[in-house]
Amino acid sequence: MTLSAAATVSLYIVLVFVVIFALLTVALLAIIAFSLRTIQEKLGEGLVQVKPVLDKTTDTLDTVQRVTNRIGEKADTILERGEELTNNVSRRVEETAAVVEKTVSTPLIKFSSVVAGVAEGISSLNRHFGDPHSNASTEKGTNSNGRK
């Protein structure tokens, strides 16, 4: 076998290996393409099944958001009314306390002072002009209640 015949044989051997590898590569690419197509079909079917669930979830979330917004607005309104009511009640309590002080407490204190003064005056007059019962008890060294 000459050098050119050996080169030709080795070239054919390399060519056979390249063709085999090329066929294997094409086969692998075909398998990958088939697998991708199958996966795409399965995903499409899954998307068809999931779409109603996603739509319903989106509707539910929209409803929840609307309800939450309404509740928040009503809570704000209730808080504002509560604050107004608290301010009104506080103002009225202060006004009532002022009226009670002016119309009840002050006259009652004055009346009580007058009664105490009159009682003390009567007591003083009794001591000065002499009450026979109080003189007897003071002479014995006891008060009217019997204590020293």
N, C-alpha and C. Protein backbone atom coordinates (compact mmCIF):
# COMPACT_ATOMS: atom_id res chain seq x y z
N MET A 1 0.84 -1.14 0.00
CA MET A 1 0.00 0.00 0.00
C MET A 1 0.89 1.22 0.00
N THR A 2 0.56 2.09 -0.84
CA THR A 2 1.37 3.29 -0.99
C THR A 2 0.80 4.38 -0.09
N LEU A 3 1.52 5.44 -0.07
CA LEU A 3 1.15 6.56 0.81
C LEU A 3 -0.15 7.21 0.35
N SER A 4 -0.35 7.31 -0.93
CA SER A 4 -1.58 7.94 -1.39
C SER A 4 -2.77 7.02 -1.15
N ALA A 5 -2.59 5.68 -1.24
CA ALA A 5 -3.68 4.76 -0.97
C ALA A 5 -4.02 4.80 0.51
N ALA A 6 -3.03 4.89 1.39
CA ALA A 6 -3.27 4.97 2.83
C ALA A 6 -3.98 6.26 3.16
N ALA A 7 -3.62 7.34 2.51
CA ALA A 7 -4.26 8.64 2.75
C ALA A 7 -5.70 8.58 2.29
N THR A 8 -5.95 7.93 1.19
CA THR A 8 -7.30 7.83 0.67
C THR A 8 -8.15 6.99 1.62
N VAL A 9 -7.62 5.88 2.13
CA VAL A 9 -8.36 5.01 3.05
C VAL A 9 -8.65 5.77 4.33
N SER A 10 -7.66 6.47 4.88
CA SER A 10 -7.90 7.23 6.11
C SER A 10 -8.87 8.37 5.86
N LEU A 11 -8.85 8.95 4.67
CA LEU A 11 -9.82 10.00 4.34
C LEU A 11 -11.22 9.43 4.29
N TYR A 12 -11.37 8.23 3.73
CA TYR A 12 -12.70 7.61 3.70
C TYR A 12 -13.16 7.26 5.13
N ILE A 13 -12.26 6.80 5.96
CA ILE A 13 -12.61 6.47 7.35
C ILE A 13 -13.09 7.73 8.08
N VAL A 14 -12.35 8.83 7.91
CA VAL A 14 -12.74 10.10 8.55
C VAL A 14 -14.07 10.55 7.99
N LEU A 15 -14.23 10.39 6.67
CA LEU A 15 -15.48 10.79 6.04
C LEU A 15 -16.65 9.98 6.59
N VAL A 16 -16.48 8.69 6.82
CA VAL A 16 -17.52 7.83 7.37
C VAL A 16 -17.88 8.31 8.79
N PHE A 17 -16.82 8.61 9.60
CA PHE A 17 -17.08 9.09 10.96
C PHE A 17 -17.81 10.44 10.94
N VAL A 18 -17.43 11.33 10.04
CA VAL A 18 -18.09 12.64 9.94
C VAL A 18 -19.54 12.46 9.53
N VAL A 19 -19.80 11.57 8.58
CA VAL A 19 -21.18 11.33 8.14
C VAL A 19 -21.98 10.73 9.29
N ILE A 20 -21.39 9.78 10.02
CA ILE A 20 -22.08 9.16 11.16
C ILE A 20 -22.41 10.23 12.22
N PHE A 21 -21.40 11.07 12.53
CA PHE A 21 -21.64 12.14 13.52
C PHE A 21 -22.66 13.14 13.01
N ALA A 22 -22.65 13.43 11.75
CA ALA A 22 -23.63 14.35 11.16
C ALA A 22 -25.03 13.76 11.28
N LEU A 23 -25.15 12.46 10.95
CA LEU A 23 -26.46 11.81 11.06
C LEU A 23 -26.94 11.78 12.52
N LEU A 24 -26.01 11.51 13.45
CA LEU A 24 -26.36 11.53 14.88
C LEU A 24 -26.80 12.93 15.32
N THR A 25 -26.10 13.93 14.82
CA THR A 25 -26.45 15.32 15.16
C THR A 25 -27.82 15.67 14.62
N VAL A 26 -28.11 15.29 13.37
CA VAL A 26 -29.43 15.54 12.78
C VAL A 26 -30.50 14.80 13.58
N ALA A 27 -30.21 13.55 13.96
CA ALA A 27 -31.18 12.77 14.73
C ALA A 27 -31.43 13.44 16.09
N LEU A 28 -30.36 13.89 16.76
CA LEU A 28 -30.52 14.58 18.04
C LEU A 28 -31.32 15.88 17.89
N LEU A 29 -31.03 16.62 16.82
CA LEU A 29 -31.78 17.85 16.57
C LEU A 29 -33.26 17.55 16.31
N ALA A 30 -33.53 16.46 15.60
CA ALA A 30 -34.92 16.08 15.34
C ALA A 30 -35.61 15.70 16.64
N ILE A 31 -34.92 14.98 17.51
CA ILE A 31 -35.49 14.59 18.81
C ILE A 31 -35.76 15.83 19.67
N ILE A 32 -34.81 16.76 19.66
CA ILE A 32 -34.97 18.01 20.44
C ILE A 32 -36.15 18.81 19.89
N ALA A 33 -36.25 18.90 18.56
CA ALA A 33 -37.36 19.65 17.95
C ALA A 33 -38.70 19.00 18.29
N PHE A 34 -38.76 17.67 18.22
CA PHE A 34 -39.98 16.97 18.56
C PHE A 34 -40.34 17.18 20.03
N SER A 35 -39.33 17.11 20.89
CA SER A 35 -39.56 17.33 22.32
C SER A 35 -40.07 18.74 22.59
N LEU A 36 -39.47 19.73 21.94
CA LEU A 36 -39.91 21.12 22.11
C LEU A 36 -41.35 21.31 21.64
N ARG A 37 -41.68 20.70 20.51
CA ARG A 37 -43.05 20.81 19.99
C ARG A 37 -44.03 20.17 20.97
N THR A 38 -43.68 19.01 21.53
CA THR A 38 -44.55 18.32 22.49
C THR A 38 -44.72 19.17 23.76
N ILE A 39 -43.62 19.72 24.22
CA ILE A 39 -43.68 20.58 25.40
C ILE A 39 -44.56 21.80 25.13
N GLN A 40 -44.41 22.39 23.95
CA GLN A 40 -45.22 23.56 23.59
C GLN A 40 -46.71 23.21 23.56
N GLU A 41 -47.04 22.05 23.02
CA GLU A 41 -48.44 21.62 22.98
C GLU A 41 -48.99 21.42 24.40
N LYS A 42 -48.18 20.79 25.25
CA LYS A 42 -48.61 20.55 26.64
C LYS A 42 -48.79 21.88 27.38
N LEU A 43 -47.88 22.81 27.15
CA LEU A 43 -48.00 24.13 27.77
C LEU A 43 -49.23 24.86 27.26
N GLY A 44 -49.51 24.72 25.98
CA GLY A 44 -50.72 25.32 25.41
C GLY A 44 -51.97 24.76 26.05
N GLU A 45 -52.01 23.42 26.21
CA GLU A 45 -53.15 22.79 26.86
C GLU A 45 -53.27 23.26 28.32
N GLY A 46 -52.13 23.31 28.99
CA GLY A 46 -52.12 23.78 30.38
C GLY A 46 -52.59 25.22 30.49
N LEU A 47 -52.16 26.05 29.54
CA LEU A 47 -52.57 27.46 29.54
C LEU A 47 -54.07 27.57 29.32
N VAL A 48 -54.63 26.72 28.43
CA VAL A 48 -56.07 26.73 28.20
C VAL A 48 -56.80 26.36 29.50
N GLN A 49 -56.27 25.40 30.25
CA GLN A 49 -56.91 24.99 31.49
C GLN A 49 -56.72 26.02 32.60
N VAL A 50 -55.58 26.71 32.60
CA VAL A 50 -55.26 27.66 33.66
C VAL A 50 -55.92 29.02 33.42
N LYS A 51 -56.19 29.37 32.17
CA LYS A 51 -56.73 30.70 31.84
C LYS A 51 -58.02 31.02 32.59
N PRO A 52 -59.01 30.10 32.66
CA PRO A 52 -60.21 30.43 33.45
C PRO A 52 -59.90 30.69 34.92
N VAL A 53 -58.98 29.91 35.46
CA VAL A 53 -58.59 30.12 36.86
C VAL A 53 -57.94 31.48 37.03
N LEU A 54 -57.07 31.84 36.11
CA LEU A 54 -56.42 33.15 36.18
C LEU A 54 -57.44 34.28 36.04
N ASP A 55 -58.38 34.11 35.12
CA ASP A 55 -59.42 35.13 34.94
C ASP A 55 -60.26 35.28 36.21
N LYS A 56 -60.65 34.14 36.80
CA LYS A 56 -61.45 34.19 38.02
C LYS A 56 -60.65 34.80 39.17
N THR A 57 -59.37 34.46 39.25
CA THR A 57 -58.52 35.04 40.29
C THR A 57 -58.40 36.55 40.11
N THR A 58 -58.24 36.99 38.88
CA THR A 58 -58.15 38.43 38.60
C THR A 58 -59.45 39.13 38.99
N ASP A 59 -60.59 38.53 38.64
CA ASP A 59 -61.89 39.11 39.02
C ASP A 59 -62.03 39.18 40.54
N THR A 60 -61.63 38.10 41.20
CA THR A 60 -61.73 38.06 42.67
C THR A 60 -60.84 39.13 43.30
N LEU A 61 -59.62 39.27 42.79
CA LEU A 61 -58.73 40.30 43.33
C LEU A 61 -59.29 41.70 43.10
N ASP A 62 -59.90 41.93 41.93
CA ASP A 62 -60.53 43.23 41.67
C ASP A 62 -61.66 43.49 42.66
N THR A 63 -62.47 42.46 42.91
CA THR A 63 -63.58 42.60 43.86
C THR A 63 -63.05 42.88 45.26
N VAL A 64 -62.03 42.14 45.66
CA VAL A 64 -61.43 42.36 46.99
C VAL A 64 -60.88 43.78 47.10
N GLN A 65 -60.25 44.26 46.06
CA GLN A 65 -59.70 45.61 46.09
C GLN A 65 -60.82 46.65 46.21
N ARG A 66 -61.91 46.47 45.47
CA ARG A 66 -63.04 47.41 45.55
C ARG A 66 -63.65 47.39 46.96
N VAL A 67 -63.84 46.19 47.50
CA VAL A 67 -64.42 46.07 48.84
C VAL A 67 -63.49 46.71 49.88
N THR A 68 -62.20 46.45 49.74
CA THR A 68 -61.22 47.03 50.67
C THR A 68 -61.24 48.55 50.59
N ASN A 69 -61.34 49.08 49.39
CA ASN A 69 -61.40 50.54 49.25
C ASN A 69 -62.65 51.10 49.91
N ARG A 70 -63.80 50.42 49.70
CA ARG A 70 -65.05 50.88 50.32
C ARG A 70 -64.95 50.83 51.84
N ILE A 71 -64.39 49.74 52.35
CA ILE A 71 -64.25 49.60 53.80
C ILE A 71 -63.34 50.70 54.34
N GLY A 72 -62.25 50.96 53.64
CA GLY A 72 -61.34 52.03 54.06
C GLY A 72 -62.03 53.38 54.08
N GLU A 73 -62.82 53.67 53.05
CA GLU A 73 -63.55 54.95 53.01
C GLU A 73 -64.55 55.04 54.15
N LYS A 74 -65.28 53.94 54.40
CA LYS A 74 -66.25 53.95 55.49
C LYS A 74 -65.56 54.08 56.84
N ALA A 75 -64.42 53.42 57.00
CA ALA A 75 -63.67 53.54 58.26
C ALA A 75 -63.21 54.98 58.47
N ASP A 76 -62.75 55.63 57.40
CA ASP A 76 -62.36 57.04 57.52
C ASP A 76 -63.54 57.89 57.92
N THR A 77 -64.69 57.64 57.30
CA THR A 77 -65.90 58.41 57.64
C THR A 77 -66.29 58.19 59.10
N ILE A 78 -66.25 56.94 59.54
CA ILE A 78 -66.58 56.64 60.93
C ILE A 78 -65.61 57.32 61.88
N LEU A 79 -64.33 57.30 61.56
CA LEU A 79 -63.34 57.97 62.41
C LEU A 79 -63.57 59.47 62.47
N GLU A 80 -63.89 60.07 61.32
CA GLU A 80 -64.16 61.51 61.31
C GLU A 80 -65.39 61.83 62.15
N ARG A 81 -66.46 61.04 61.99
CA ARG A 81 -67.66 61.28 62.79
C ARG A 81 -67.40 61.06 64.27
N GLY A 82 -66.62 60.04 64.58
CA GLY A 82 -66.27 59.78 65.99
C GLY A 82 -65.48 60.94 66.59
N GLU A 83 -64.58 61.49 65.81
CA GLU A 83 -63.80 62.63 66.29
C GLU A 83 -64.71 63.84 66.51
N GLU A 84 -65.63 64.08 65.57
CA GLU A 84 -66.57 65.19 65.72
C GLU A 84 -67.44 64.98 66.96
N LEU A 85 -67.93 63.75 67.14
CA LEU A 85 -68.77 63.44 68.29
C LEU A 85 -68.00 63.64 69.59
N THR A 86 -66.76 63.18 69.62
CA THR A 86 -65.93 63.36 70.81
C THR A 86 -65.73 64.83 71.12
N ASN A 87 -65.45 65.60 70.09
CA ASN A 87 -65.26 67.04 70.30
C ASN A 87 -66.55 67.69 70.80
N ASN A 88 -67.70 67.32 70.21
CA ASN A 88 -68.98 67.88 70.65
C ASN A 88 -69.29 67.50 72.10
N VAL A 89 -69.11 66.22 72.43
CA VAL A 89 -69.38 65.76 73.80
C VAL A 89 -68.46 66.46 74.78
N SER A 90 -67.20 66.58 74.43
CA SER A 90 -66.23 67.25 75.30
C SER A 90 -66.64 68.70 75.53
N ARG A 91 -67.01 69.39 74.45
CA ARG A 91 -67.43 70.79 74.57
C ARG A 91 -68.68 70.90 75.44
N ARG A 92 -69.64 70.01 75.24
CA ARG A 92 -70.88 70.05 76.02
C ARG A 92 -70.64 69.73 77.49
N VAL A 93 -69.73 68.79 77.76
CA VAL A 93 -69.41 68.47 79.15
C VAL A 93 -68.79 69.69 79.83
N GLU A 94 -67.89 70.37 79.13
CA GLU A 94 -67.28 71.58 79.70
C GLU A 94 -68.34 72.65 79.93
N GLU A 95 -69.26 72.83 78.96
CA GLU A 95 -70.32 73.82 79.12
C GLU A 95 -71.23 73.45 80.28
N THR A 96 -71.58 72.17 80.39
CA THR A 96 -72.44 71.71 81.49
C THR A 96 -71.76 71.91 82.83
N ALA A 97 -70.47 71.60 82.90
CA ALA A 97 -69.73 71.80 84.15
C ALA A 97 -69.71 73.27 84.53
N ALA A 98 -69.55 74.14 83.55
CA ALA A 98 -69.55 75.58 83.84
C ALA A 98 -70.92 76.03 84.33
N VAL A 99 -71.99 75.53 83.68
CA VAL A 99 -73.34 75.90 84.10
C VAL A 99 -73.63 75.37 85.50
N VAL A 100 -73.24 74.12 85.77
CA VAL A 100 -73.47 73.54 87.10
C VAL A 100 -72.71 74.34 88.15
N GLU A 101 -71.50 74.70 87.84
CA GLU A 101 -70.71 75.48 88.80
C GLU A 101 -71.36 76.83 89.05
N LYS A 102 -71.84 77.44 87.98
CA LYS A 102 -72.42 78.78 88.10
C LYS A 102 -73.79 78.74 88.79
N THR A 103 -74.62 77.75 88.43
CA THR A 103 -75.99 77.76 88.93
C THR A 103 -76.21 76.89 90.16
N VAL A 104 -75.34 75.91 90.42
CA VAL A 104 -75.57 75.01 91.55
C VAL A 104 -74.48 75.13 92.60
N SER A 105 -73.25 74.90 92.20
CA SER A 105 -72.16 74.83 93.18
C SER A 105 -71.94 76.16 93.89
N THR A 106 -71.80 77.23 93.15
CA THR A 106 -71.51 78.53 93.77
C THR A 106 -72.64 78.95 94.70
N PRO A 107 -73.93 78.92 94.27
CA PRO A 107 -75.00 79.29 95.21
C PRO A 107 -75.07 78.36 96.42
N LEU A 108 -74.82 77.06 96.20
CA LEU A 108 -74.85 76.11 97.31
C LEU A 108 -73.75 76.41 98.31
N ILE A 109 -72.57 76.72 97.81
CA ILE A 109 -71.46 77.08 98.71
C ILE A 109 -71.80 78.35 99.48
N LYS A 110 -72.36 79.34 98.78
CA LYS A 110 -72.74 80.59 99.45
C LYS A 110 -73.83 80.33 100.49
N PHE A 111 -74.82 79.52 100.12
CA PHE A 111 -75.89 79.20 101.06
C PHE A 111 -75.33 78.46 102.27
N SER A 112 -74.43 77.51 102.03
CA SER A 112 -73.82 76.77 103.11
C SER A 112 -73.03 77.70 104.02
N SER A 113 -72.34 78.66 103.42
CA SER A 113 -71.58 79.63 104.22
C SER A 113 -72.52 80.48 105.05
N VAL A 114 -73.64 80.91 104.46
CA VAL A 114 -74.62 81.71 105.20
C VAL A 114 -75.21 80.91 106.35
N VAL A 115 -75.58 79.64 106.09
CA VAL A 115 -76.14 78.79 107.14
C VAL A 115 -75.12 78.59 108.26
N ALA A 116 -73.86 78.35 107.88
CA ALA A 116 -72.82 78.17 108.90
C ALA A 116 -72.65 79.45 109.70
N GLY A 117 -72.70 80.60 109.02
CA GLY A 117 -72.57 81.88 109.72
C GLY A 117 -73.74 82.12 110.66
N VAL A 118 -74.94 81.84 110.19
CA VAL A 118 -76.13 82.02 111.03
C VAL A 118 -76.06 81.08 112.24
N ALA A 119 -75.66 79.84 112.01
CA ALA A 119 -75.57 78.88 113.11
C ALA A 119 -74.53 79.35 114.13
N GLU A 120 -73.41 79.84 113.63
CA GLU A 120 -72.37 80.33 114.54
C GLU A 120 -72.86 81.57 115.28
N GLY A 121 -73.61 82.42 114.56
CA GLY A 121 -74.16 83.61 115.22
C GLY A 121 -75.13 83.24 116.32
N ILE A 122 -76.00 82.27 116.04
CA ILE A 122 -76.96 81.82 117.06
C ILE A 122 -76.22 81.21 118.23
N SER A 123 -75.21 80.42 117.93
CA SER A 123 -74.42 79.81 118.99
C SER A 123 -73.74 80.88 119.83
N SER A 124 -73.22 81.89 119.14
CA SER A 124 -72.55 82.98 119.86
C SER A 124 -73.54 83.76 120.72
N LEU A 125 -74.74 84.02 120.18
CA LEU A 125 -75.77 84.73 120.96
C LEU A 125 -76.18 83.91 122.18
N ASN A 126 -76.31 82.61 121.98
CA ASN A 126 -76.67 81.74 123.10
C ASN A 126 -75.59 81.79 124.18
N ARG A 127 -74.36 81.78 123.80
CA ARG A 127 -73.27 81.83 124.78
C ARG A 127 -73.26 83.20 125.47
N HIS A 128 -73.51 84.22 124.68
CA HIS A 128 -73.42 85.57 125.24
C HIS A 128 -74.59 85.88 126.18
N PHE A 129 -75.79 85.58 125.75
CA PHE A 129 -76.95 85.91 126.56
C PHE A 129 -77.29 84.81 127.55
N GLY A 130 -76.61 83.73 127.44
CA GLY A 130 -76.74 82.66 128.42
C GLY A 130 -77.93 81.78 128.21
N ASP A 131 -77.67 80.63 127.80
CA ASP A 131 -78.68 79.58 127.69
C ASP A 131 -78.58 78.79 128.98
N PRO A 132 -79.67 78.62 129.70
CA PRO A 132 -79.56 77.94 130.98
C PRO A 132 -79.00 76.53 130.84
N HIS A 133 -79.27 75.87 129.78
CA HIS A 133 -78.76 74.50 129.62
C HIS A 133 -77.28 74.53 129.30
N SER A 134 -76.83 75.47 128.47
CA SER A 134 -75.41 75.49 128.12
C SER A 134 -74.58 75.99 129.28
N ASN A 135 -75.10 76.90 130.14
CA ASN A 135 -74.34 77.37 131.30
C ASN A 135 -74.15 76.25 132.30
N ALA A 136 -75.15 75.44 132.47
CA ALA A 136 -75.04 74.34 133.43
C ALA A 136 -74.00 73.34 132.97
N SER A 137 -73.96 73.09 131.68
CA SER A 137 -73.00 72.11 131.21
C SER A 137 -71.61 72.70 131.23
N THR A 138 -71.44 74.00 130.99
CA THR A 138 -70.10 74.58 131.04
C THR A 138 -69.63 74.73 132.46
N GLU A 139 -70.55 74.90 133.42
CA GLU A 139 -70.15 74.99 134.81
C GLU A 139 -69.63 73.66 135.30
N LYS A 140 -70.19 72.55 134.81
CA LYS A 140 -69.76 71.23 135.23
C LYS A 140 -68.51 70.82 134.49
N GLY A 141 -68.15 71.56 133.44
CA GLY A 141 -66.94 71.24 132.68
C GLY A 141 -67.18 70.23 131.58
N THR A 142 -68.42 70.06 131.17
CA THR A 142 -68.72 69.13 130.08
C THR A 142 -69.46 69.86 129.00
N ASN A 143 -69.41 69.32 127.83
CA ASN A 143 -70.18 69.86 126.70
C ASN A 143 -71.57 69.27 126.76
N SER A 144 -72.40 69.69 125.79
CA SER A 144 -73.76 69.18 125.75
C SER A 144 -73.82 67.71 125.41
N ASN A 145 -72.75 67.15 124.84
CA ASN A 145 -72.76 65.72 124.51
C ASN A 145 -72.22 64.87 125.66
N GLY A 146 -71.84 65.52 126.77
CA GLY A 146 -71.40 64.77 127.94
C GLY A 146 -69.95 64.51 128.02
N ARG A 147 -69.14 65.04 127.13
CA ARG A 147 -67.70 64.81 127.16
C ARG A 147 -67.00 66.04 127.69
N LYS A 148 -65.82 65.83 128.23
CA LYS A 148 -65.01 66.95 128.71
C LYS A 148 -64.22 67.54 127.64
